C-alpha atoms as a PDB file:
ATOM      1  CA  UNK A   1       5.715  32.010  62.362  1.00  0.00           C
ATOM      2  CA  UNK A   2       3.496  33.945  59.705  1.00  0.00           C
ATOM      3  CA  UNK A   3       3.072  37.907  60.584  1.00  0.00           C
ATOM      4  CA  UNK A   4      -1.217  36.864  62.209  1.00  0.00           C
ATOM      5  CA  UNK A   5       0.846  34.274  64.519  1.00  0.00           C
ATOM      6  CA  UNK A   6       3.449  36.854  65.687  1.00  0.00           C
ATOM      7  CA  UNK A   7       1.299  39.550  66.447  1.00  0.00           C
ATOM      8  CA  UNK A   8      -1.434  37.381  68.719  1.00  0.00           C
ATOM      9  CA  UNK A   9       1.826  35.993  70.095  1.00  0.00           C
ATOM     10  CA  UNK A  10       2.762  40.143  71.112  1.00  0.00           C
ATOM     11  CA  UNK A  11      -0.471  40.239  72.822  1.00  0.00           C
ATOM     12  CA  UNK A  12      -0.606  37.507  74.695  1.00  0.00           C
ATOM     13  CA  UNK A  13       2.977  38.324  76.280  1.00  0.00           C
ATOM     14  CA  UNK A  14       1.879  42.712  76.534  1.00  0.00           C
ATOM     15  CA  UNK A  15      -0.729  42.074  77.259  1.00  0.00           C
ATOM     16  CA  UNK A  16      -2.996  43.706  74.573  1.00  0.00           C
ATOM     17  CA  UNK A  17      -5.470  43.236  72.542  1.00  0.00           C
ATOM     18  CA  UNK A  18      -4.321  41.436  68.925  1.00  0.00           C
ATOM     19  CA  UNK A  19      -5.409  45.681  66.869  1.00  0.00           C
ATOM     20  CA  UNK A  20      -3.099  47.578  68.948  1.00  0.00           C
ATOM     21  CA  UNK A  21      -0.331  44.366  68.936  1.00  0.00           C
ATOM     22  CA  UNK A  22      -1.004  44.621  65.141  1.00  0.00           C
ATOM     23  CA  UNK A  23      -0.238  48.720  65.059  1.00  0.00           C
ATOM     24  CA  UNK A  24       2.940  47.406  67.451  1.00  0.00           C
ATOM     25  CA  UNK A  25       4.659  45.027  65.405  1.00  0.00           C
ATOM     26  CA  UNK A  26       3.668  46.502  61.837  1.00  0.00           C
ATOM     27  CA  UNK A  27       5.475  49.912  63.527  1.00  0.00           C
ATOM     28  CA  UNK A  28       8.961  48.264  64.871  1.00  0.00           C
ATOM     29  CA  UNK A  29       8.641  46.135  60.477  1.00  0.00           C
ATOM     30  CA  UNK A  30       8.894  50.250  59.111  1.00  0.00           C
ATOM     31  CA  UNK A  31      10.857  51.526  61.542  1.00  0.00           C
ATOM     32  CA  UNK A  32      13.688  48.534  60.800  1.00  0.00           C
ATOM     33  CA  UNK A  33      12.844  48.923  57.255  1.00  0.00           C
ATOM     34  CA  UNK A  34      13.739  52.518  57.157  1.00  0.00           C
ATOM     35  CA  UNK A  35      16.573  51.912  58.815  1.00  0.00           C
ATOM     36  CA  UNK A  36      18.463  49.659  56.211  1.00  0.00           C
ATOM     37  CA  UNK A  37      16.606  51.929  53.827  1.00  0.00           C
ATOM     38  CA  UNK A  38      19.860  55.049  54.878  1.00  0.00           C
ATOM     39  CA  UNK A  39      21.698  52.033  54.708  1.00  0.00           C
ATOM     40  CA  UNK A  40      21.962  52.247  58.919  1.00  0.00           C
ATOM     41  CA  UNK A  41      22.856  49.046  61.159  1.00  0.00           C
ATOM     42  CA  UNK A  42      20.000  48.448  63.487  1.00  0.00           C
ATOM     43  CA  UNK A  43      22.042  47.314  66.738  1.00  0.00           C
ATOM     44  CA  UNK A  44      18.989  45.805  69.588  1.00  0.00           C
ATOM     45  CA  UNK A  45      21.530  44.461  72.685  1.00  0.00           C
ATOM     46  CA  UNK A  46      20.986  40.674  72.815  1.00  0.00           C
ATOM     47  CA  UNK A  47      19.338  40.245  70.133  1.00  0.00           C
ATOM     48  CA  UNK A  48      21.010  40.785  66.995  1.00  0.00           C
ATOM     49  CA  UNK A  49      22.415  43.436  64.493  1.00  0.00           C
ATOM     50  CA  UNK A  50      20.961  44.198  61.755  1.00  0.00           C
ATOM     51  CA  UNK A  51      23.375  45.681  58.196  1.00  0.00           C
ATOM     52  CA  UNK A  52      22.898  46.263  55.012  1.00  0.00           C
ATOM     53  CA  UNK A  53      25.980  45.199  52.771  1.00  0.00           C
ATOM     54  CA  UNK A  54      26.611  45.740  48.998  1.00  0.00           C
ATOM     55  CA  UNK A  55      27.381  42.576  46.579  1.00  0.00           C
ATOM     56  CA  UNK A  56      29.043  43.323  43.734  1.00  0.00           C
ATOM     57  CA  UNK A  57      28.347  42.130  40.363  1.00  0.00           C
ATOM     58  CA  UNK A  58      29.640  38.946  39.734  1.00  0.00           C
ATOM     59  CA  UNK A  59      28.971  35.875  36.887  1.00  0.00           C
ATOM     60  CA  UNK A  60      26.369  32.955  37.092  1.00  0.00           C
ATOM     61  CA  UNK A  61      25.008  30.192  35.580  1.00  0.00           C
ATOM     62  CA  UNK A  62      21.985  28.656  34.477  1.00  0.00           C
ATOM     63  CA  UNK A  63      20.927  26.144  36.593  1.00  0.00           C
ATOM     64  CA  UNK A  64      18.575  25.241  33.569  1.00  0.00           C
ATOM     65  CA  UNK A  65      20.569  25.427  30.342  1.00  0.00           C
ATOM     66  CA  UNK A  66      23.697  26.318  31.482  1.00  0.00           C
ATOM     67  CA  UNK A  67      24.326  29.430  30.108  1.00  0.00           C
ATOM     68  CA  UNK A  68      26.628  32.054  31.506  1.00  0.00           C
ATOM     69  CA  UNK A  69      24.514  35.042  33.132  1.00  0.00           C
ATOM     70  CA  UNK A  70      25.911  38.742  35.042  1.00  0.00           C
ATOM     71  CA  UNK A  71      24.356  38.485  37.879  1.00  0.00           C
ATOM     72  CA  UNK A  72      23.747  42.408  38.943  1.00  0.00           C
ATOM     73  CA  UNK A  73      25.267  44.201  41.880  1.00  0.00           C
ATOM     74  CA  UNK A  74      23.072  44.789  45.285  1.00  0.00           C
ATOM     75  CA  UNK A  75      22.581  44.969  48.172  1.00  0.00           C
ATOM     76  CA  UNK A  76      21.767  41.704  51.130  1.00  0.00           C
ATOM     77  CA  UNK A  77      20.721  41.875  54.359  1.00  0.00           C
ATOM     78  CA  UNK A  78      22.307  40.995  57.207  1.00  0.00           C
ATOM     79  CA  UNK A  79      21.909  39.435  60.360  1.00  0.00           C
ATOM     80  CA  UNK A  80      23.701  38.192  63.460  1.00  0.00           C
ATOM     81  CA  UNK A  81      22.579  36.825  65.989  1.00  0.00           C
ATOM     82  CA  UNK A  82      23.541  38.757  70.342  1.00  0.00           C
ATOM     83  CA  UNK A  83      25.277  36.441  72.494  1.00  0.00           C
ATOM     84  CA  UNK A  84      22.106  36.478  74.648  1.00  0.00           C
ATOM     85  CA  UNK A  85      20.051  34.809  71.120  1.00  0.00           C
ATOM     86  CA  UNK A  86      22.549  32.408  70.222  1.00  0.00           C
ATOM     87  CA  UNK A  87      22.731  31.175  74.191  1.00  0.00           C
ATOM     88  CA  UNK A  88      18.921  31.167  74.806  1.00  0.00           C
ATOM     89  CA  UNK A  89      17.720  28.562  71.139  1.00  0.00           C
ATOM     90  CA  UNK A  90      21.067  27.042  71.748  1.00  0.00           C
END
């Protein structure tokens, strides 16, 4: 599903114009991004929890050459689905 597909679905479910639905979807995505940029957790009851975790630098291999490389430390976004979401997709 693309972002435009999501906008169309929100538009239909919330009885909004496509323009208003697009603004709403973009506002939600921007808000989630802001929270995660601040290294905060975002818990949406019944849906799930987004969080940021630190990754350590580690050694890896270039799959084409087999050469050892160092993968730098970084951050990754984790999502843990909530109970209701798990139940509804099972």
